[in-house]
Amino acid sequence: MMLEQKGHRVTTAKNGLKALKILADQHFDAILMDVQMPEMDGLTCSRTIRAFEQGREIDEQIELPDDLSTELKKKLMGQTVSIVAMTAHAMSGDREKCLEAGMDSYLTKPFEPEKVTAALNLIATEISHQLKPSSKELKLDTASQSAMPDSKLVAKARTHLKNKFNFKKELIDHILESSAKSFVEHLDRLEQAISQDDHDSLAASSHALKGSLLNLALNEEAELAQKIELAAGSREQAPYDQYLQKLRKNLEDFS
């Protein structure tokens, strides 16, 4: 219910086999995978999904109906759905088992609503940027290049994503690259709104930027965005240009 209140569409499965049957019939942007499930556990289910995505044979010990295997091959080949492990344990080695099974991140009980929502928001940000033609072209052009260099601010964001969500390095790199593009877009919108004295757009753009910054634990920059949001929402005359210049300077390492 919490996820639905946040605007997410949710489908539930009682076990891993049921999840595969649903996955063969519907498209999902992300899977919250319970590690401990009857009939087929989350680790086995994740390995099976990754095998179909990569065109590999599934484990010979896993028995699936032929028609289900056929549908999963057609549906998943060449795709990569984000999988977030949900487990009641935080035992040593559990995270490694989940990542080895192909999961992208790892959350343990008690599941804090804001932590689950933040993980999904980051996945949604990555998906939205992958769908843009310019982003696809950029991704192809930079495929052989190294990841974003770790300045102090980038390193802080990377550490936050690693420690809080247990994301793999590859996913963290994608999120940082997508966030960098998102920051540029938000800052450009802020500049346009300031030039047009459009307080409504200014408040909306700064609110969106604040959320993106908080997702990466960039709290000082988020506070600047909040100052713009609050002032614009109250139609105040504030030093918006100064705020914007400071934001651009602080975030230049993401450019």
Foldseek 3Di string as FASTA:
>chain_A
DLVVVVVDDDDDDQALLRVLVVVLPDDDQEAAAEQDHPPHGRLLSLLVLVCLQDVHDRDPVDDDPPVSSVSSNVRRHVHDHAYEYEYQDDDPPPLVSNVVSPHFWYDHPPDDSVLVVLVVVLSVLLVVLCPDPVSVVVCVVCVPPDAQDDDPLLVLLLVCCCVSTVGDPVSSSSSLLSLLVLLVVLLVQCVVCVVVVPLVSLLVSLVVNLSSCVSSPVNVLSVLSVVSNVCSVVSHDDPSVVSSVVSCVVSVSSD
